[in-house]
Amino acid sequence: MLTNCASQMQYFAEQTPSLSVTRIELFVIPALAVDASGHRVCLRLTSNLGIGWSELFASDTEDTIDLDRWGDLLQSFIGSIPLPPLDHFQYDKTDQDGRILDLFATAALQVLAHSADSSSHKTNLEESVLRQRSVSYVSLD
């Protein structure tokens, strides 16, 4: 027996949760290790499902990170994002733009995996420490 699949697909699409991103922050912090020259770039994502973190290391020998460009790319993720397309992004993870997209996707997937156990007190302490150590900071709302 055939049924109208389109109406059923619409039902499932309506039932799929969405991630509503309210804020994205980038912290650029000098590397702490004695033998490491470079910076940690930490991304904090605030959403309706919790807070997610991701980070990467940028050595001093790499091209300079363009925070304005990264901010423009990340700004497009503020708002509601239907799920689960995050693991289907196609991009070059070694490219500068690809690195920031990878940071965002990692933080968003972390939110999805740990939304039930996120602690706002712990994350507020982490944010405070990161802000104090940052040499650059970007906040997008």
Protein backbone atom coordinates (compact mmCIF):
# COMPACT_ATOMS: atom_id res chain seq x y z
CA MET A 1 0.00 0.00 0.00
CA LEU A 2 1.34 3.43 -0.95
CA THR A 3 1.01 6.43 1.33
CA ASN A 4 1.74 10.09 0.92
CA CYS A 5 5.40 10.22 1.96
CA ALA A 6 5.66 13.99 1.55
CA SER A 7 3.25 14.66 4.42
CA GLN A 8 5.09 12.18 6.63
CA MET A 9 8.46 13.74 5.78
CA GLN A 10 7.08 17.16 6.72
CA TYR A 11 5.94 15.72 10.08
CA PHE A 12 9.44 14.39 10.81
CA ALA A 13 11.04 17.67 9.68
CA GLU A 14 8.81 19.53 12.14
CA GLN A 15 9.80 17.11 14.92
CA THR A 16 13.55 17.51 14.29
CA PRO A 17 15.03 19.79 16.96
CA SER A 18 16.90 22.92 16.05
CA LEU A 19 19.84 24.53 17.72
CA SER A 20 19.22 28.17 18.47
CA VAL A 21 22.60 29.88 18.75
CA THR A 22 22.41 33.08 20.79
CA ARG A 23 26.10 33.90 21.19
CA ILE A 24 29.49 32.86 19.82
CA GLU A 25 32.70 33.99 21.48
CA LEU A 26 36.30 33.62 20.35
CA PHE A 27 39.19 33.89 22.79
CA VAL A 28 42.79 34.10 21.51
CA ILE A 29 45.18 33.16 24.32
CA PRO A 30 48.98 32.89 24.28
CA ALA A 31 50.19 29.29 24.52
CA LEU A 32 51.12 28.38 28.09
CA ALA A 33 53.65 25.63 27.39
CA VAL A 34 57.27 26.73 27.62
CA ASP A 35 58.21 25.13 24.31
CA ALA A 36 55.09 26.21 22.40
CA SER A 37 55.05 29.49 20.54
CA GLY A 38 51.63 30.39 19.32
CA HIS A 39 48.09 30.82 20.53
CA ARG A 40 45.08 28.79 21.60
CA VAL A 41 41.89 29.86 19.85
CA CYS A 42 38.89 28.92 21.98
CA LEU A 43 35.31 29.10 20.74
CA ARG A 44 32.39 29.23 23.19
CA LEU A 45 28.92 28.68 21.76
CA THR A 46 25.82 29.59 23.78
CA SER A 47 22.54 28.06 22.65
CA ASN A 48 19.10 26.96 23.74
CA LEU A 49 20.52 23.48 24.42
CA GLY A 50 23.52 24.58 26.48
CA ILE A 51 27.09 25.74 26.04
CA GLY A 52 29.71 24.13 23.82
CA TRP A 53 33.46 24.62 23.63
CA SER A 54 36.12 23.89 21.08
CA GLU A 55 39.68 25.01 20.55
CA LEU A 56 42.62 24.85 18.21
CA PHE A 57 46.29 25.69 18.42
CA ALA A 58 47.74 28.23 15.99
CA SER A 59 51.52 28.33 15.89
CA ASP A 60 53.39 31.56 15.25
CA THR A 61 54.66 30.17 11.94
CA GLU A 62 51.12 29.94 10.48
CA ASP A 63 49.37 32.67 8.55
CA THR A 64 47.81 35.31 10.77
CA ILE A 65 44.27 34.51 11.87
CA ASP A 66 41.82 37.03 10.46
CA LEU A 67 39.36 37.48 13.34
CA ASP A 68 37.24 39.90 11.30
CA ARG A 69 36.79 37.27 8.58
CA TRP A 70 36.09 34.55 11.16
CA GLY A 71 33.58 36.84 12.88
CA ASP A 72 31.76 37.41 9.59
CA LEU A 73 31.60 33.65 8.94
CA LEU A 74 30.39 32.86 12.45
CA GLN A 75 27.78 35.64 12.44
CA SER A 76 25.77 33.63 9.91
CA PHE A 77 25.31 30.88 12.54
CA ILE A 78 23.58 33.18 15.04
CA GLY A 79 19.94 32.13 15.14
CA SER A 80 18.22 28.83 14.53
CA ILE A 81 20.05 25.98 12.80
CA PRO A 82 18.10 22.86 11.76
CA LEU A 83 19.68 19.61 12.89
CA PRO A 84 21.49 17.39 12.03
CA PRO A 85 23.34 19.01 9.09
CA LEU A 86 26.46 19.80 11.10
CA ASP A 87 28.24 16.56 10.34
CA HIS A 88 27.50 16.94 6.63
CA PHE A 89 29.47 20.17 6.06
CA GLN A 90 31.98 19.87 3.24
CA TYR A 91 35.02 22.11 3.69
CA ASP A 92 38.79 22.03 3.79
CA LYS A 93 39.64 21.71 7.49
CA THR A 94 43.20 22.90 6.87
CA ASP A 95 42.08 26.17 5.26
CA GLN A 96 41.71 29.19 7.59
CA ASP A 97 37.95 29.38 6.92
CA GLY A 98 37.67 25.63 7.26
CA ARG A 99 39.36 25.75 10.65
CA ILE A 100 36.77 28.16 12.05
CA LEU A 101 33.91 26.12 10.59
CA ASP A 102 35.44 23.04 12.21
CA LEU A 103 35.65 24.89 15.55
CA PHE A 104 31.98 25.85 15.28
CA ALA A 105 30.83 22.36 14.27
CA THR A 106 32.82 20.77 17.13
CA ALA A 107 31.28 23.14 19.70
CA ALA A 108 27.76 22.61 18.32
CA LEU A 109 28.13 18.83 18.33
CA GLN A 110 29.42 19.03 21.91
CA VAL A 111 26.27 20.94 22.89
CA LEU A 112 24.13 18.23 21.33
CA ALA A 113 26.05 15.46 23.07
CA HIS A 114 26.13 17.08 26.51
CA SER A 115 23.11 19.41 26.63
CA ALA A 116 21.61 17.64 29.66
CA ASP A 117 24.67 18.03 31.89
CA SER A 118 26.01 21.52 31.11
CA SER A 119 26.83 23.52 34.21
CA SER A 120 26.52 27.30 33.81
CA HIS A 121 28.56 28.00 36.98
CA LYS A 122 31.57 26.06 35.68
CA THR A 123 31.35 27.61 32.22
CA ASN A 124 31.08 31.13 33.67
CA LEU A 125 34.30 30.53 35.62
CA GLU A 126 36.01 29.26 32.47
CA GLU A 127 34.85 32.30 30.52
CA SER A 128 36.20 34.64 33.19
CA VAL A 129 39.64 33.00 33.13
CA LEU A 130 39.72 33.03 29.34
CA ARG A 131 38.81 36.71 29.17
CA GLN A 132 41.58 37.60 31.61
CA ARG A 133 44.21 35.72 29.58
CA SER A 134 42.98 36.73 26.11
CA VAL A 135 45.01 38.92 23.81
CA SER A 136 42.01 39.13 21.45
CA TYR A 137 38.31 38.58 22.07
CA VAL A 138 35.32 38.53 19.71
CA SER A 139 31.70 38.27 20.85
CA LEU A 140 28.86 37.78 18.39
CA ASP A 141 25.19 37.99 19.41
